[in-house]
Amino acid sequence: MSVKAENLGLSYGNHMVLKDITFELSSKKIYGLLGRNGAGKTSLLSTLASFRQPSSGSITIDGEIPFENPLIMQQIALMYDKGYKDETDNIKSMLQDLQRYRPHFDMDYAEYLIGRFKLDKKKAIKKFSKGMQSAVNVVIGLASRAPITIFDEVYLGMDAPSRDIFYKELLEDQQEHPRIIILSTHLVSEMDYLFDEVIILNKGEIILQEEYDSLVSKGASITGKSELVDDFVQSKTQLHVQQLGDTKSVMIYGSLSDEERKTAMDKGLETGPVSLHDLFIHLTKEDDR
């Protein structure tokens, strides 16, 4: 399946939360959707999943408008930080009900995941801890095997070992049953290795969509004597500067050629990589103003 947004806008009253967004997801990849609080991530994902209708522009899936389109909607699974305070059923009963509406649902795989997360099959879901309820959302999302599977901060409340299980199962199942998977997260440094492609949303606008490997190769840190660093980076896009005494470190956005790296080394400068986490922080730093 493919997803295409053209000049997509969404407003709540007079407040525009998504502004003229255009993008396309056409490959069976894991897409990392990054954005600070209030950037519009959940609004974008809920529009994609037909929970909301766009205020302007369009979003289509395989060329069809998904809103109130049952054949398309059942191909999309949006899992979010949902609570189950009123859910009296146990997980097995709930999944059996859910299976009827999910044409790709794999109950055997769901049973396996229940075991992996050590979820009590007999206990009412409302009695589960917050972390266990988050694991329920993961089980549903993975076992549904929807062609478009979306996890919107679904890990909230899960401890580190449970998140690790989630990540491992996600990668393994994507290899066996590839589809479009979108991960919306704040845990950039913990989850970046999962991403094939990265989308950064800032103030309701997409500022970047790029392959993960290509993106992280565009950042570099230059460290050394202040005047030498200043001379080297003067023509570069500078994201962040740190200084201690006469030593300066500058984070730049833009690839360094082999010749530039050799020049830096000849001048006694150190060059190093920049993480996606650091790039994300500094590419969206205007949110702090």
C-alpha atoms as a PDB file:
ATOM      1  CA  MET A   1       0.000   0.000   0.000  1.00  0.00           C
ATOM      2  CA  SER A   2       1.046   3.607  -0.420  1.00  0.00           C
ATOM      3  CA  VAL A   3       0.217   6.756   1.494  1.00  0.00           C
ATOM      4  CA  LYS A   4       0.144  10.180  -0.131  1.00  0.00           C
ATOM      5  CA  ALA A   5      -0.594  13.530   1.500  1.00  0.00           C
ATOM      6  CA  GLU A   6      -0.944  16.645  -0.640  1.00  0.00           C
ATOM      7  CA  ASN A   7      -1.154  20.109   0.908  1.00  0.00           C
ATOM      8  CA  LEU A   8      -2.727  18.516   3.962  1.00  0.00           C
ATOM      9  CA  GLY A   9      -4.059  20.892   6.603  1.00  0.00           C
ATOM     10  CA  LEU A  10      -5.877  20.338   9.883  1.00  0.00           C
ATOM     11  CA  SER A  11      -7.289  22.938  12.216  1.00  0.00           C
ATOM     12  CA  TYR A  12      -9.100  22.956  15.522  1.00  0.00           C
ATOM     13  CA  GLY A  13     -11.208  26.072  15.373  1.00  0.00           C
ATOM     14  CA  ASN A  14      -8.830  28.899  14.468  1.00  0.00           C
ATOM     15  CA  HIS A  15      -5.728  26.925  15.419  1.00  0.00           C
ATOM     16  CA  MET A  16      -3.850  25.291  12.537  1.00  0.00           C
ATOM     17  CA  VAL A  17      -2.077  22.167  13.778  1.00  0.00           C
ATOM     18  CA  LEU A  18      -1.021  20.818  10.361  1.00  0.00           C
ATOM     19  CA  LYS A  19       0.057  23.240   7.649  1.00  0.00           C
ATOM     20  CA  ASP A  20       0.274  22.399   3.952  1.00  0.00           C
ATOM     21  CA  ILE A  21       1.872  18.980   4.485  1.00  0.00           C
ATOM     22  CA  THR A  22       2.987  16.962   1.475  1.00  0.00           C
ATOM     23  CA  PHE A  23       4.705  13.573   1.696  1.00  0.00           C
ATOM     24  CA  GLU A  24       4.568  10.040   0.341  1.00  0.00           C
ATOM     25  CA  LEU A  25       5.181   6.634   1.936  1.00  0.00           C
ATOM     26  CA  SER A  26       5.423   4.007  -0.757  1.00  0.00           C
ATOM     27  CA  SER A  27       7.884   1.429   0.555  1.00  0.00           C
ATOM     28  CA  LYS A  28       7.514  -1.279   3.170  1.00  0.00           C
ATOM     29  CA  LYS A  29       9.796   0.370   5.694  1.00  0.00           C
ATOM     30  CA  ILE A  30       9.893   1.441   9.306  1.00  0.00           C
ATOM     31  CA  TYR A  31       9.397   5.198   9.347  1.00  0.00           C
ATOM     32  CA  GLY A  32      10.395   7.200  12.409  1.00  0.00           C
ATOM     33  CA  LEU A  33       8.114  10.209  12.962  1.00  0.00           C
ATOM     34  CA  LEU A  34       9.846  12.732  15.203  1.00  0.00           C
ATOM     35  CA  GLY A  35       8.624  16.017  16.604  1.00  0.00           C
ATOM     36  CA  ARG A  36       8.561  17.925  19.841  1.00  0.00           C
ATOM     37  CA  ASN A  37       5.445  18.147  21.995  1.00  0.00           C
ATOM     38  CA  GLY A  38       2.738  19.994  20.106  1.00  0.00           C
ATOM     39  CA  ALA A  39       4.416  19.516  16.719  1.00  0.00           C
ATOM     40  CA  GLY A  40       1.310  17.772  15.345  1.00  0.00           C
ATOM     41  CA  LYS A  41       2.447  14.134  15.277  1.00  0.00           C
ATOM     42  CA  THR A  42      -0.700  12.629  16.798  1.00  0.00           C
ATOM     43  CA  SER A  43      -2.924  14.883  14.688  1.00  0.00           C
ATOM     44  CA  LEU A  44      -1.137  13.731  11.535  1.00  0.00           C
ATOM     45  CA  LEU A  45      -1.341  10.049  12.462  1.00  0.00           C
ATOM     46  CA  SER A  46      -5.001  10.227  13.480  1.00  0.00           C
ATOM     47  CA  THR A  47      -5.814  11.899  10.161  1.00  0.00           C
ATOM     48  CA  LEU A  48      -3.918   9.187   8.307  1.00  0.00           C
ATOM     49  CA  ALA A  49      -5.884   6.546  10.232  1.00  0.00           C
ATOM     50  CA  SER A  50      -9.210   8.271   9.410  1.00  0.00           C
ATOM     51  CA  PHE A  51      -9.944   9.306  12.998  1.00  0.00           C
ATOM     52  CA  ARG A  52     -10.152  12.873  11.668  1.00  0.00           C
ATOM     53  CA  GLN A  53     -11.030  14.461   8.346  1.00  0.00           C
ATOM     54  CA  PRO A  54      -8.554  16.960   6.878  1.00  0.00           C
ATOM     55  CA  SER A  55      -9.522  20.621   6.957  1.00  0.00           C
ATOM     56  CA  SER A  56      -7.774  21.177   3.625  1.00  0.00           C
ATOM     57  CA  GLY A  57      -5.755  19.244   1.072  1.00  0.00           C
ATOM     58  CA  SER A  58      -5.984  15.485   0.890  1.00  0.00           C
ATOM     59  CA  ILE A  59      -4.623  12.212   2.156  1.00  0.00           C
ATOM     60  CA  THR A  60      -5.043   9.068   0.081  1.00  0.00           C
ATOM     61  CA  ILE A  61      -4.134   5.416   0.520  1.00  0.00           C
ATOM     62  CA  ASP A  62      -3.651   3.477  -2.697  1.00  0.00           C
ATOM     63  CA  GLY A  63      -5.315   6.425  -4.396  1.00  0.00           C
ATOM     64  CA  GLU A  64      -8.461   6.262  -2.246  1.00  0.00           C
ATOM     65  CA  ILE A  65      -9.652   8.639   0.450  1.00  0.00           C
ATOM     66  CA  PRO A  66      -9.572   6.618   3.702  1.00  0.00           C
ATOM     67  CA  PHE A  67     -12.062   8.673   5.720  1.00  0.00           C
ATOM     68  CA  GLU A  68     -15.237   6.619   6.292  1.00  0.00           C
ATOM     69  CA  ASN A  69     -13.931   4.040   3.821  1.00  0.00           C
ATOM     70  CA  PRO A  70     -14.263   0.688   5.655  1.00  0.00           C
ATOM     71  CA  LEU A  71     -12.217  -1.317   3.145  1.00  0.00           C
ATOM     72  CA  ILE A  72      -9.251   1.025   3.572  1.00  0.00           C
ATOM     73  CA  MET A  73      -9.684   1.630   7.300  1.00  0.00           C
ATOM     74  CA  GLN A  74      -9.366  -2.060   8.160  1.00  0.00           C
ATOM     75  CA  GLN A  75      -5.960  -2.036   6.494  1.00  0.00           C
ATOM     76  CA  ILE A  76      -4.686   0.537   9.018  1.00  0.00           C
ATOM     77  CA  ALA A  77      -3.915  -0.101  12.676  1.00  0.00           C
ATOM     78  CA  LEU A  78      -3.223   2.945  14.835  1.00  0.00           C
ATOM     79  CA  MET A  79      -2.042   2.013  18.312  1.00  0.00           C
ATOM     80  CA  TYR A  80      -1.601   4.772  20.860  1.00  0.00           C
ATOM     81  CA  ASP A  81      -1.317   5.277  24.599  1.00  0.00           C
ATOM     82  CA  LYS A  82      -4.757   3.853  25.272  1.00  0.00           C
ATOM     83  CA  GLY A  83      -5.894   2.950  28.772  1.00  0.00           C
ATOM     84  CA  TYR A  84      -8.230   0.083  29.646  1.00  0.00           C
ATOM     85  CA  LYS A  85      -9.798   1.190  32.920  1.00  0.00           C
ATOM     86  CA  ASP A  86     -13.238  -0.041  31.800  1.00  0.00           C
ATOM     87  CA  GLU A  87     -12.100  -3.231  30.042  1.00  0.00           C
ATOM     88  CA  THR A  88     -13.523  -6.150  32.027  1.00  0.00           C
ATOM     89  CA  ASP A  89     -12.566  -8.829  29.470  1.00  0.00           C
ATOM     90  CA  ASN A  90      -9.308 -10.724  29.644  1.00  0.00           C
ATOM     91  CA  ILE A  91      -6.838 -10.319  26.789  1.00  0.00           C
ATOM     92  CA  LYS A  92      -7.783 -13.552  25.027  1.00  0.00           C
ATOM     93  CA  SER A  93     -11.476 -12.608  24.866  1.00  0.00           C
ATOM     94  CA  MET A  94     -10.669  -9.120  23.655  1.00  0.00           C
ATOM     95  CA  LEU A  95      -8.383 -10.398  20.904  1.00  0.00           C
ATOM     96  CA  GLN A  96     -10.990 -12.906  19.736  1.00  0.00           C
ATOM     97  CA  ASP A  97     -13.469 -10.031  19.324  1.00  0.00           C
ATOM     98  CA  LEU A  98     -10.865  -7.872  17.598  1.00  0.00           C
ATOM     99  CA  GLN A  99      -9.875 -10.628  15.185  1.00  0.00           C
ATOM    100  CA  ARG A 100     -13.221 -10.341  13.389  1.00  0.00           C
ATOM    101  CA  TYR A 101     -12.386  -6.810  12.238  1.00  0.00           C
ATOM    102  CA  ARG A 102      -8.742  -7.365  11.322  1.00  0.00           C
ATOM    103  CA  PRO A 103      -8.389  -9.475   8.138  1.00  0.00           C
ATOM    104  CA  HIS A 104      -4.631 -10.055   8.654  1.00  0.00           C
ATOM    105  CA  PHE A 105      -4.788 -10.833  12.381  1.00  0.00           C
ATOM    106  CA  ASP A 106      -2.597 -13.759  13.497  1.00  0.00           C
ATOM    107  CA  MET A 107      -3.910 -15.268  16.739  1.00  0.00           C
ATOM    108  CA  ASP A 108      -1.028 -17.725  17.054  1.00  0.00           C
ATOM    109  CA  TYR A 109       1.424 -14.834  16.927  1.00  0.00           C
ATOM    110  CA  ALA A 110      -0.693 -12.917  19.444  1.00  0.00           C
ATOM    111  CA  GLU A 111      -0.510 -15.896  21.821  1.00  0.00           C
ATOM    112  CA  TYR A 112       3.260 -15.949  21.402  1.00  0.00           C
ATOM    113  CA  LEU A 113       3.500 -12.237  22.220  1.00  0.00           C
ATOM    114  CA  ILE A 114       1.293 -12.659  25.278  1.00  0.00           C
ATOM    115  CA  GLY A 115       3.834 -15.166  26.510  1.00  0.00           C
ATOM    116  CA  ARG A 116       6.773 -12.903  25.660  1.00  0.00           C
ATOM    117  CA  PHE A 117       5.296 -10.067  27.725  1.00  0.00           C
ATOM    118  CA  LYS A 118       4.141 -12.468  30.474  1.00  0.00           C
ATOM    119  CA  LEU A 119       0.555 -11.206  30.382  1.00  0.00           C
ATOM    120  CA  ASP A 120      -1.999 -13.041  32.512  1.00  0.00           C
ATOM    121  CA  LYS A 121      -4.634 -14.488  30.164  1.00  0.00           C
ATOM    122  CA  LYS A 122      -7.218 -14.816  32.908  1.00  0.00           C
ATOM    123  CA  LYS A 123      -6.973 -11.386  34.539  1.00  0.00           C
ATOM    124  CA  ALA A 124      -9.250  -8.543  33.429  1.00  0.00           C
ATOM    125  CA  ILE A 125      -7.220  -6.084  31.369  1.00  0.00           C
ATOM    126  CA  LYS A 126      -8.327  -3.176  33.553  1.00  0.00           C
ATOM    127  CA  LYS A 127      -6.369  -4.787  36.404  1.00  0.00           C
ATOM    128  CA  PHE A 128      -3.135  -4.792  34.424  1.00  0.00           C
ATOM    129  CA  SER A 129      -0.411  -2.320  35.314  1.00  0.00           C
ATOM    130  CA  LYS A 130       0.217   0.639  33.013  1.00  0.00           C
ATOM    131  CA  GLY A 131       3.172  -1.164  31.448  1.00  0.00           C
ATOM    132  CA  MET A 132       1.149  -4.312  30.842  1.00  0.00           C
ATOM    133  CA  GLN A 133      -1.647  -2.316  29.224  1.00  0.00           C
ATOM    134  CA  SER A 134       0.940  -0.785  26.912  1.00  0.00           C
ATOM    135  CA  ALA A 135       2.093  -4.323  26.096  1.00  0.00           C
ATOM    136  CA  VAL A 136      -1.520  -5.149  25.181  1.00  0.00           C
ATOM    137  CA  ASN A 137      -1.401  -2.326  22.625  1.00  0.00           C
ATOM    138  CA  VAL A 138       1.840  -3.715  21.224  1.00  0.00           C
ATOM    139  CA  VAL A 139       0.345  -7.205  20.947  1.00  0.00           C
ATOM    140  CA  ILE A 140      -2.664  -5.844  19.058  1.00  0.00           C
ATOM    141  CA  GLY A 141      -0.533  -3.710  16.748  1.00  0.00           C
ATOM    142  CA  LEU A 142       1.963  -6.414  15.832  1.00  0.00           C
ATOM    143  CA  ALA A 143      -0.480  -9.326  15.612  1.00  0.00           C
ATOM    144  CA  SER A 144      -2.935  -7.328  13.473  1.00  0.00           C
ATOM    145  CA  ARG A 145      -0.270  -7.220  10.749  1.00  0.00           C
ATOM    146  CA  ALA A 146      -2.123  -4.380   9.076  1.00  0.00           C
ATOM    147  CA  PRO A 147      -0.452  -3.197   5.848  1.00  0.00           C
ATOM    148  CA  ILE A 148      -0.132   0.194   7.539  1.00  0.00           C
ATOM    149  CA  THR A 149       0.736  -0.192  11.220  1.00  0.00           C
ATOM    150  CA  ILE A 150       1.180   2.896  13.383  1.00  0.00           C
ATOM    151  CA  PHE A 151       2.595   3.025  16.908  1.00  0.00           C
ATOM    152  CA  ASP A 152       2.101   6.455  18.488  1.00  0.00           C
ATOM    153  CA  GLU A 153       4.236   6.443  21.658  1.00  0.00           C
ATOM    154  CA  VAL A 154       2.717   3.057  22.441  1.00  0.00           C
ATOM    155  CA  TYR A 155       5.621   2.121  24.746  1.00  0.00           C
ATOM    156  CA  LEU A 156       4.648   4.609  27.490  1.00  0.00           C
ATOM    157  CA  GLY A 157       4.721   2.903  30.868  1.00  0.00           C
ATOM    158  CA  MET A 158       6.763  -0.069  29.657  1.00  0.00           C
ATOM    159  CA  ASP A 159      10.011  -0.794  31.474  1.00  0.00           C
ATOM    160  CA  ALA A 160      13.299  -1.146  29.591  1.00  0.00           C
ATOM    161  CA  PRO A 161      13.179  -4.972  29.241  1.00  0.00           C
ATOM    162  CA  SER A 162       9.625  -4.808  27.861  1.00  0.00           C
ATOM    163  CA  ARG A 163      10.564  -2.072  25.391  1.00  0.00           C
ATOM    164  CA  ASP A 164      13.487  -4.220  24.276  1.00  0.00           C
ATOM    165  CA  ILE A 165      11.098  -7.118  23.588  1.00  0.00           C
ATOM    166  CA  PHE A 166       8.905  -4.751  21.593  1.00  0.00           C
ATOM    167  CA  TYR A 167      11.811  -3.542  19.448  1.00  0.00           C
ATOM    168  CA  LYS A 168      13.124  -7.063  18.781  1.00  0.00           C
ATOM    169  CA  GLU A 169       9.702  -8.418  17.852  1.00  0.00           C
ATOM    170  CA  LEU A 170       9.032  -5.403  15.645  1.00  0.00           C
ATOM    171  CA  LEU A 171      12.216  -5.952  13.639  1.00  0.00           C
ATOM    172  CA  GLU A 172      11.732  -9.710  13.365  1.00  0.00           C
ATOM    173  CA  ASP A 173       8.098  -9.482  12.300  1.00  0.00           C
ATOM    174  CA  GLN A 174       8.870  -6.711   9.811  1.00  0.00           C
ATOM    175  CA  GLN A 175      11.434  -9.006   8.220  1.00  0.00           C
ATOM    176  CA  GLU A 176       8.924 -11.868   7.982  1.00  0.00           C
ATOM    177  CA  HIS A 177       5.855  -9.752   7.153  1.00  0.00           C
ATOM    178  CA  PRO A 178       7.014  -6.426   5.682  1.00  0.00           C
ATOM    179  CA  ARG A 179       4.599  -3.514   5.703  1.00  0.00           C
ATOM    180  CA  ILE A 180       4.557   0.239   6.278  1.00  0.00           C
ATOM    181  CA  ILE A 181       5.263   0.805   9.967  1.00  0.00           C
ATOM    182  CA  ILE A 182       5.272   4.283  11.483  1.00  0.00           C
ATOM    183  CA  LEU A 183       6.848   4.840  14.891  1.00  0.00           C
ATOM    184  CA  SER A 184       6.149   8.141  16.631  1.00  0.00           C
ATOM    185  CA  THR A 185       8.526   8.604  19.540  1.00  0.00           C
ATOM    186  CA  HIS A 186      10.409  10.886  21.889  1.00  0.00           C
ATOM    187  CA  LEU A 187      12.941   8.144  22.684  1.00  0.00           C
ATOM    188  CA  VAL A 188      15.067   9.019  19.668  1.00  0.00           C
ATOM    189  CA  SER A 189      18.421   7.800  20.973  1.00  0.00           C
ATOM    190  CA  GLU A 190      16.880   4.494  22.101  1.00  0.00           C
ATOM    191  CA  MET A 191      14.907   3.741  18.948  1.00  0.00           C
ATOM    192  CA  ASP A 192      16.884   5.298  16.097  1.00  0.00           C
ATOM    193  CA  TYR A 193      18.360   1.958  14.995  1.00  0.00           C
ATOM    194  CA  LEU A 194      14.847   0.790  14.136  1.00  0.00           C
ATOM    195  CA  PHE A 195      14.273   3.463  11.472  1.00  0.00           C
ATOM    196  CA  ASP A 196      14.739   2.984   7.753  1.00  0.00           C
ATOM    197  CA  GLU A 197      13.528   6.508   7.057  1.00  0.00           C
ATOM    198  CA  VAL A 198      12.999   9.575   9.230  1.00  0.00           C
ATOM    199  CA  ILE A 199      10.317  12.260   9.066  1.00  0.00           C
ATOM    200  CA  ILE A 200      10.688  15.335  11.259  1.00  0.00           C
ATOM    201  CA  LEU A 201       7.602  17.411  11.997  1.00  0.00           C
ATOM    202  CA  ASN A 202       8.029  20.876  13.464  1.00  0.00           C
ATOM    203  CA  LYS A 203       5.241  23.321  14.277  1.00  0.00           C
ATOM    204  CA  GLY A 204       2.802  21.462  12.057  1.00  0.00           C
ATOM    205  CA  GLU A 205       5.130  21.295   9.056  1.00  0.00           C
ATOM    206  CA  ILE A 206       7.386  18.565   7.711  1.00  0.00           C
ATOM    207  CA  ILE A 207      10.907  19.961   7.685  1.00  0.00           C
ATOM    208  CA  LEU A 208      12.662  16.773   6.642  1.00  0.00           C
ATOM    209  CA  GLN A 209      12.007  13.322   5.171  1.00  0.00           C
ATOM    210  CA  GLU A 210      15.107  11.273   4.464  1.00  0.00           C
ATOM    211  CA  GLU A 211      16.666   7.831   4.672  1.00  0.00           C
ATOM    212  CA  TYR A 212      18.173   7.298   8.129  1.00  0.00           C
ATOM    213  CA  ASP A 213      21.688   6.478   6.908  1.00  0.00           C
ATOM    214  CA  SER A 214      21.738   9.468   4.576  1.00  0.00           C
ATOM    215  CA  LEU A 215      20.480  11.806   7.285  1.00  0.00           C
ATOM    216  CA  VAL A 216      22.974  10.898   9.995  1.00  0.00           C
ATOM    217  CA  SER A 217      25.825  11.105   7.476  1.00  0.00           C
ATOM    218  CA  LYS A 218      24.958  14.787   6.985  1.00  0.00           C
ATOM    219  CA  GLY A 219      25.920  15.755  10.495  1.00  0.00           C
ATOM    220  CA  ALA A 220      29.430  16.135  11.867  1.00  0.00           C
ATOM    221  CA  SER A 221      31.180  17.629  14.855  1.00  0.00           C
ATOM    222  CA  ILE A 222      34.386  19.642  14.436  1.00  0.00           C
ATOM    223  CA  THR A 223      36.557  20.058  17.523  1.00  0.00           C
ATOM    224  CA  GLY A 224      39.835  21.857  18.113  1.00  0.00           C
ATOM    225  CA  LYS A 225      41.374  25.293  18.671  1.00  0.00           C
ATOM    226  CA  SER A 226      38.728  27.996  18.400  1.00  0.00           C
ATOM    227  CA  GLU A 227      40.239  30.025  15.566  1.00  0.00           C
ATOM    228  CA  LEU A 228      40.935  26.911  13.489  1.00  0.00           C
ATOM    229  CA  VAL A 229      37.415  25.573  14.017  1.00  0.00           C
ATOM    230  CA  ASP A 230      35.890  28.966  13.150  1.00  0.00           C
ATOM    231  CA  ASP A 231      37.867  29.114   9.928  1.00  0.00           C
ATOM    232  CA  PHE A 232      36.902  25.571   8.948  1.00  0.00           C
ATOM    233  CA  VAL A 233      33.134  25.894   9.610  1.00  0.00           C
ATOM    234  CA  GLN A 234      32.572  29.448   8.405  1.00  0.00           C
ATOM    235  CA  SER A 235      30.842  28.290   5.218  1.00  0.00           C
ATOM    236  CA  LYS A 236      28.928  25.456   6.937  1.00  0.00           C
ATOM    237  CA  THR A 237      25.445  25.333   8.451  1.00  0.00           C
ATOM    238  CA  GLN A 238      26.134  25.433  12.190  1.00  0.00           C
ATOM    239  CA  LEU A 239      23.630  23.759  14.498  1.00  0.00           C
ATOM    240  CA  HIS A 240      25.332  24.001  17.873  1.00  0.00           C
ATOM    241  CA  VAL A 241      28.474  25.474  19.410  1.00  0.00           C
ATOM    242  CA  GLN A 242      30.233  24.524  22.641  1.00  0.00           C
ATOM    243  CA  GLN A 243      33.364  26.138  23.988  1.00  0.00           C
ATOM    244  CA  LEU A 244      35.666  25.422  26.899  1.00  0.00           C
ATOM    245  CA  GLY A 245      38.629  27.747  27.143  1.00  0.00           C
ATOM    246  CA  ASP A 246      40.384  27.824  23.770  1.00  0.00           C
ATOM    247  CA  THR A 247      38.747  24.586  22.617  1.00  0.00           C
ATOM    248  CA  LYS A 248      35.598  24.764  20.538  1.00  0.00           C
ATOM    249  CA  SER A 249      33.254  22.072  19.224  1.00  0.00           C
ATOM    250  CA  VAL A 250      30.797  22.916  16.458  1.00  0.00           C
ATOM    251  CA  MET A 251      28.023  20.661  15.195  1.00  0.00           C
ATOM    252  CA  ILE A 252      27.392  21.201  11.503  1.00  0.00           C
ATOM    253  CA  TYR A 253      24.649  20.031   9.160  1.00  0.00           C
ATOM    254  CA  GLY A 254      26.076  18.993   5.820  1.00  0.00           C
ATOM    255  CA  SER A 255      28.265  16.188   4.558  1.00  0.00           C
ATOM    256  CA  LEU A 256      32.049  16.436   4.730  1.00  0.00           C
ATOM    257  CA  SER A 257      34.017  15.281   1.701  1.00  0.00           C
ATOM    258  CA  ASP A 258      37.063  13.072   2.108  1.00  0.00           C
ATOM    259  CA  GLU A 259      39.192  16.058   1.143  1.00  0.00           C
ATOM    260  CA  GLU A 260      37.592  18.212   3.841  1.00  0.00           C
ATOM    261  CA  ARG A 261      38.167  15.531   6.449  1.00  0.00           C
ATOM    262  CA  LYS A 262      41.827  15.317   5.431  1.00  0.00           C
ATOM    263  CA  THR A 263      42.134  19.108   5.633  1.00  0.00           C
ATOM    264  CA  ALA A 264      40.624  19.067   9.109  1.00  0.00           C
ATOM    265  CA  MET A 265      43.033  16.360  10.230  1.00  0.00           C
ATOM    266  CA  ASP A 266      46.006  18.253   8.780  1.00  0.00           C
ATOM    267  CA  LYS A 267      44.974  21.296  10.829  1.00  0.00           C
ATOM    268  CA  GLY A 268      44.776  19.210  14.006  1.00  0.00           C
ATOM    269  CA  LEU A 269      40.999  19.217  14.128  1.00  0.00           C
ATOM    270  CA  GLU A 270      38.921  16.225  15.197  1.00  0.00           C
ATOM    271  CA  THR A 271      35.846  15.240  13.191  1.00  0.00           C
ATOM    272  CA  GLY A 272      33.164  13.022  14.611  1.00  0.00           C
ATOM    273  CA  PRO A 273      29.663  11.751  13.867  1.00  0.00           C
ATOM    274  CA  VAL A 274      26.456  13.321  15.115  1.00  0.00           C
ATOM    275  CA  SER A 275      23.558  11.217  16.408  1.00  0.00           C
ATOM    276  CA  LEU A 276      20.005  11.467  15.120  1.00  0.00           C
ATOM    277  CA  HIS A 277      19.042  12.560  18.637  1.00  0.00           C
ATOM    278  CA  ASP A 278      21.367  15.575  18.446  1.00  0.00           C
ATOM    279  CA  LEU A 279      20.328  16.437  14.900  1.00  0.00           C
ATOM    280  CA  PHE A 280      16.671  16.286  15.890  1.00  0.00           C
ATOM    281  CA  ILE A 281      17.159  18.562  18.904  1.00  0.00           C
ATOM    282  CA  HIS A 282      19.023  21.222  16.982  1.00  0.00           C
ATOM    283  CA  LEU A 283      16.981  21.074  13.782  1.00  0.00           C
ATOM    284  CA  THR A 284      13.875  21.823  15.877  1.00  0.00           C
ATOM    285  CA  LYS A 285      15.499  24.197  18.379  1.00  0.00           C
ATOM    286  CA  GLU A 286      13.275  27.107  17.326  1.00  0.00           C
ATOM    287  CA  ASP A 287      10.545  25.470  19.426  1.00  0.00           C
ATOM    288  CA  ASP A 288      12.441  26.721  22.474  1.00  0.00           C
ATOM    289  CA  ARG A 289      11.960  30.333  21.583  1.00  0.00           C
END
